[in-house]
Protein backbone atom coordinates (compact mmCIF):
# COMPACT_ATOMS: atom_id res chain seq x y z
CA UNK A 1 149.88 -84.53 147.12
CA UNK A 2 148.98 -82.35 144.01
CA UNK A 3 147.07 -78.88 145.06
CA UNK A 4 144.62 -77.41 141.99
CA UNK A 5 143.43 -74.03 142.29
CA UNK A 6 140.07 -73.79 140.16
CA UNK A 7 139.62 -69.38 139.51
CA UNK A 8 135.84 -70.22 139.61
CA UNK A 9 133.14 -72.95 140.41
CA UNK A 10 129.28 -74.13 140.69
CA UNK A 11 126.80 -72.76 143.05
CA UNK A 12 127.06 -76.31 144.74
CA UNK A 13 130.51 -77.35 144.99
CA UNK A 14 131.50 -75.75 148.31
CA UNK A 15 134.56 -74.02 150.01
CA UNK A 16 136.73 -76.52 151.80
CA UNK A 17 139.60 -77.97 150.23
CA UNK A 18 138.13 -81.58 148.75
CA UNK A 19 140.29 -84.85 149.07
CA UNK A 20 139.67 -86.52 145.46
CA UNK A 21 140.65 -89.27 143.32
CA UNK A 22 141.40 -88.93 140.09
CA UNK A 23 138.29 -91.47 138.28
CA UNK A 24 139.15 -90.24 134.68
CA UNK A 25 141.18 -87.57 132.78
CA UNK A 26 140.43 -85.96 129.32
CA UNK A 27 141.76 -83.09 126.94
CA UNK A 28 139.27 -80.62 128.83
CA UNK A 29 137.67 -82.47 131.88
CA UNK A 30 138.83 -84.39 134.99
CA UNK A 31 136.23 -86.21 136.63
CA UNK A 32 137.16 -87.01 140.09
CA UNK A 33 135.20 -89.07 143.31
CA UNK A 34 135.21 -88.10 146.85
CA UNK A 35 135.34 -90.49 149.96
CA UNK A 36 131.89 -90.80 149.50
CA UNK A 37 131.45 -91.61 145.83
CA UNK A 38 130.47 -88.72 144.59
CA UNK A 39 131.61 -86.86 141.57
CA UNK A 40 133.20 -83.88 141.01
CA UNK A 41 135.05 -81.78 138.15
CA UNK A 42 137.64 -79.44 136.81
CA UNK A 43 137.24 -78.54 133.53
CA UNK A 44 139.40 -76.11 131.55
CA UNK A 45 135.59 -74.82 129.32
CA UNK A 46 133.25 -72.91 130.81
CA UNK A 47 130.23 -74.50 128.01
CA UNK A 48 130.88 -77.44 129.82
CA UNK A 49 129.86 -76.79 133.69
CA UNK A 50 127.94 -79.20 135.23
CA UNK A 51 126.84 -79.89 138.97
CA UNK A 52 129.95 -79.44 141.51
CA UNK A 53 132.65 -78.38 138.57
CA UNK A 54 135.18 -76.09 138.30
CA UNK A 55 137.50 -73.95 136.32
CA UNK A 56 140.85 -74.05 136.09
CA UNK A 57 143.62 -72.82 133.66
CA UNK A 58 145.31 -75.78 132.95
CA UNK A 59 145.89 -79.55 134.22
CA UNK A 60 148.96 -80.71 135.44
CA UNK A 61 150.10 -84.37 134.72
CA UNK A 62 147.71 -86.26 136.11
CA UNK A 63 146.87 -90.86 136.23
CA UNK A 64 143.34 -92.18 136.88
CA UNK A 65 143.56 -93.23 140.82
CA UNK A 66 145.65 -90.63 142.15
CA UNK A 67 145.06 -88.65 145.20
CA UNK A 68 144.84 -84.94 144.46
CA UNK A 69 143.15 -81.56 146.55
CA UNK A 70 141.20 -78.88 145.16
CA UNK A 71 141.88 -75.37 146.74
CA UNK A 72 138.00 -73.77 146.09
CA UNK A 73 137.57 -71.12 148.59
CA UNK A 74 139.55 -68.59 146.54
CA UNK A 75 136.84 -69.47 143.08
CA UNK A 76 134.20 -67.18 142.32
CA UNK A 77 130.79 -68.43 141.89
CA UNK A 78 130.54 -68.94 137.51
CA UNK A 79 127.14 -71.24 137.62
CA UNK A 80 124.40 -72.35 139.14
CA UNK A 81 123.42 -75.81 137.85
CA UNK A 82 120.11 -75.62 139.47
CA UNK A 83 118.54 -72.37 138.01
CA UNK A 84 116.18 -73.01 135.60
CA UNK A 85 113.27 -70.06 135.47
CA UNK A 86 110.02 -69.84 133.15
CA UNK A 87 107.87 -72.15 132.09
CA UNK A 88 107.76 -73.96 128.35
CA UNK A 89 106.62 -71.24 125.59
CA UNK A 90 104.33 -73.53 123.30
CA UNK A 91 104.82 -71.41 120.32
CA UNK A 92 108.12 -73.55 120.13
CA UNK A 93 106.39 -77.21 119.95
CA UNK A 94 107.42 -77.39 116.26
CA UNK A 95 111.09 -77.40 117.16
CA UNK A 96 111.37 -79.70 120.30
CA UNK A 97 108.93 -82.36 118.69
CA UNK A 98 111.35 -82.90 115.73
CA UNK A 99 113.97 -83.88 118.36
CA UNK A 100 112.06 -86.99 119.03
CA UNK A 101 112.90 -88.30 115.92
CA UNK A 102 116.78 -88.87 116.91
CA UNK A 103 114.61 -92.07 118.20
CA UNK A 104 114.11 -93.41 115.06
CA UNK A 105 117.83 -93.99 114.65
CA UNK A 106 118.87 -97.40 114.43
CA UNK A 107 121.66 -97.06 117.79
CA UNK A 108 118.57 -95.25 119.55
CA UNK A 109 115.63 -96.96 118.22
CA UNK A 110 116.37 -99.20 122.15
CA UNK A 111 114.73 -96.42 123.45
CA UNK A 112 111.01 -97.46 122.27
CA UNK A 113 111.24 -100.79 123.71
CA UNK A 114 111.81 -99.26 127.34
CA UNK A 115 109.93 -96.15 127.36
CA UNK A 116 106.52 -97.20 129.48
CA UNK A 117 109.37 -98.47 132.21
CA UNK A 118 111.81 -95.54 133.07
CA UNK A 119 114.09 -97.92 135.09
CA UNK A 120 114.57 -100.74 132.03
CA UNK A 121 116.19 -97.04 130.63
CA UNK A 122 119.12 -97.44 133.43
CA UNK A 123 122.35 -98.51 131.18
CA UNK A 124 120.59 -99.14 128.16
CA UNK A 125 122.05 -98.58 124.46
CA UNK A 126 124.94 -97.72 123.49
CA UNK A 127 127.83 -94.40 124.47
CA UNK A 128 129.74 -93.62 127.27
CA UNK A 129 126.95 -92.57 129.52
CA UNK A 130 124.32 -94.87 127.87
CA UNK A 131 121.88 -93.18 125.64
CA UNK A 132 118.90 -94.46 128.05
CA UNK A 133 120.65 -92.42 130.95
CA UNK A 134 121.04 -89.16 128.79
CA UNK A 135 117.31 -89.46 127.64
CA UNK A 136 116.73 -89.96 131.38
CA UNK A 137 118.28 -86.70 132.14
CA UNK A 138 116.53 -84.87 129.73
CA UNK A 139 113.40 -86.11 131.04
CA UNK A 140 113.81 -85.25 134.45
CA UNK A 141 114.77 -82.20 133.16
CA UNK A 142 111.27 -81.59 131.15
CA UNK A 143 109.60 -82.68 134.68
CA UNK A 144 111.38 -79.93 136.76
CA UNK A 145 111.10 -77.29 133.65
CA UNK A 146 106.95 -77.41 133.46
CA UNK A 147 106.58 -77.69 137.39
CA UNK A 148 106.02 -81.24 137.71
CA UNK A 149 109.13 -82.03 139.30
CA UNK A 150 109.40 -85.81 139.70
CA UNK A 151 105.75 -87.05 139.93
CA UNK A 152 105.24 -89.09 136.59
CA UNK A 153 108.77 -90.68 137.21
CA UNK A 154 109.98 -93.00 140.16
CA UNK A 155 113.85 -94.34 140.63
CA UNK A 156 115.25 -96.34 143.07
CA UNK A 157 118.92 -94.66 143.66
CA UNK A 158 120.02 -97.87 144.36
CA UNK A 159 119.60 -99.41 141.46
CA UNK A 160 121.38 -97.18 139.83
CA UNK A 161 125.13 -97.84 141.02
CA UNK A 162 124.19 -101.50 140.06
CA UNK A 163 122.95 -100.95 136.61
CA UNK A 164 125.23 -98.61 134.98
CA UNK A 165 128.09 -96.32 134.87
CA UNK A 166 129.50 -94.16 137.79
CA UNK A 167 129.40 -91.11 136.11
CA UNK A 168 126.06 -91.67 134.30
CA UNK A 169 124.86 -93.05 138.07
CA UNK A 170 125.94 -89.67 139.51
CA UNK A 171 124.47 -87.55 136.14
CA UNK A 172 121.25 -89.04 137.06
CA UNK A 173 120.92 -88.75 140.23
CA UNK A 174 122.25 -84.77 140.01
CA UNK A 175 118.90 -84.98 137.83
CA UNK A 176 116.81 -85.85 140.14
CA UNK A 177 118.04 -83.29 142.55
CA UNK A 178 117.46 -80.78 140.43
CA UNK A 179 120.70 -80.02 138.98
CA UNK A 180 121.77 -79.85 135.58
CA UNK A 181 124.19 -79.38 132.78
CA UNK A 182 124.81 -75.70 131.66
CA UNK A 183 124.05 -76.41 128.21
CA UNK A 184 119.95 -78.50 128.91
CA UNK A 185 119.84 -74.70 131.33
CA UNK A 186 120.69 -72.63 128.74
CA UNK A 187 118.37 -74.57 126.20
CA UNK A 188 115.29 -74.72 128.47
CA UNK A 189 115.76 -70.99 129.37
CA UNK A 190 115.88 -69.84 125.46
CA UNK A 191 112.54 -72.44 125.36
CA UNK A 192 111.29 -70.39 128.51
CA UNK A 193 111.44 -67.00 126.20
CA UNK A 194 110.51 -68.33 123.31
CA UNK A 195 113.66 -67.24 121.63
CA UNK A 196 113.58 -69.92 118.62
CA UNK A 197 116.77 -68.80 116.81
CA UNK A 198 118.98 -69.53 120.59
CA UNK A 199 116.60 -72.55 120.89
CA UNK A 200 118.48 -73.81 117.64
CA UNK A 201 121.79 -72.27 118.37
CA UNK A 202 121.39 -74.19 121.99
CA UNK A 203 120.40 -77.54 119.77
CA UNK A 204 123.15 -77.65 117.58
CA UNK A 205 125.52 -77.48 119.98
CA UNK A 206 123.80 -80.11 122.30
CA UNK A 207 123.64 -82.12 119.50
CA UNK A 208 127.48 -82.39 119.08
CA UNK A 209 128.19 -83.62 122.76
CA UNK A 210 129.32 -86.98 122.61
CA UNK A 211 128.39 -89.08 119.60
CA UNK A 212 125.11 -90.08 121.06
CA UNK A 213 124.80 -88.43 124.01
CA UNK A 214 123.22 -85.11 123.47
CA UNK A 215 120.39 -86.88 120.97
CA UNK A 216 119.36 -88.86 123.41
CA UNK A 217 119.08 -86.23 125.90
CA UNK A 218 116.96 -83.75 123.49
CA UNK A 219 114.81 -86.87 122.85
CA UNK A 220 114.20 -87.08 126.59
CA UNK A 221 113.83 -83.78 126.77
CA UNK A 222 110.81 -83.93 124.25
CA UNK A 223 109.50 -86.64 125.55
CA UNK A 224 108.70 -84.97 129.10
CA UNK A 225 107.59 -81.84 127.55
CA UNK A 226 104.98 -83.48 125.39
CA UNK A 227 103.87 -85.46 128.17
CA UNK A 228 103.22 -81.97 130.20
CA UNK A 229 100.96 -80.85 127.05
């Protein structure tokens, strides 16, 4: 059995050696599943950090369905997916209002129809992670960022596995537990600091994430921030 030794990890990945199954393998990311169905990821690029992930120098040849072990005890902590500080600086409101315009694109127009019933967003729309799921995660992050937790958004976790893909289901569960991706955390940190230049820089990085995922996520974040106004 192949044993991987990452050199860095997120704060929510414990110290024990994990036996995991390869669910998907890409050029810069491996998505792995434990015996409980939880996602873990091994990455090459620190910008791709997300909950329960780690960094490694290179991947060996691996196939979907293959079992591996990940030795994490020697890895330093490089990212905390739950670290969100500060509150939105309202002087940047004009910037995040622009993100709502992403929903006017034909491919994301379906979000308008389901926005009053959040559970209808699960699995809705195009994309490897459906646009509705990305929108929800952005929305949930806005609730966390504004200090409202999940008070205005109720999602039954049992429904997630039935309505969307495994990766998306795990992504939404992480958000509900208060854990988010690095790009998103860096963006809300820039908003809290009132740093318009850094907000624009991070927004550009996120819009390039996937075909539609980043834009749907930004729209969800903006929508959640507006509900807090």
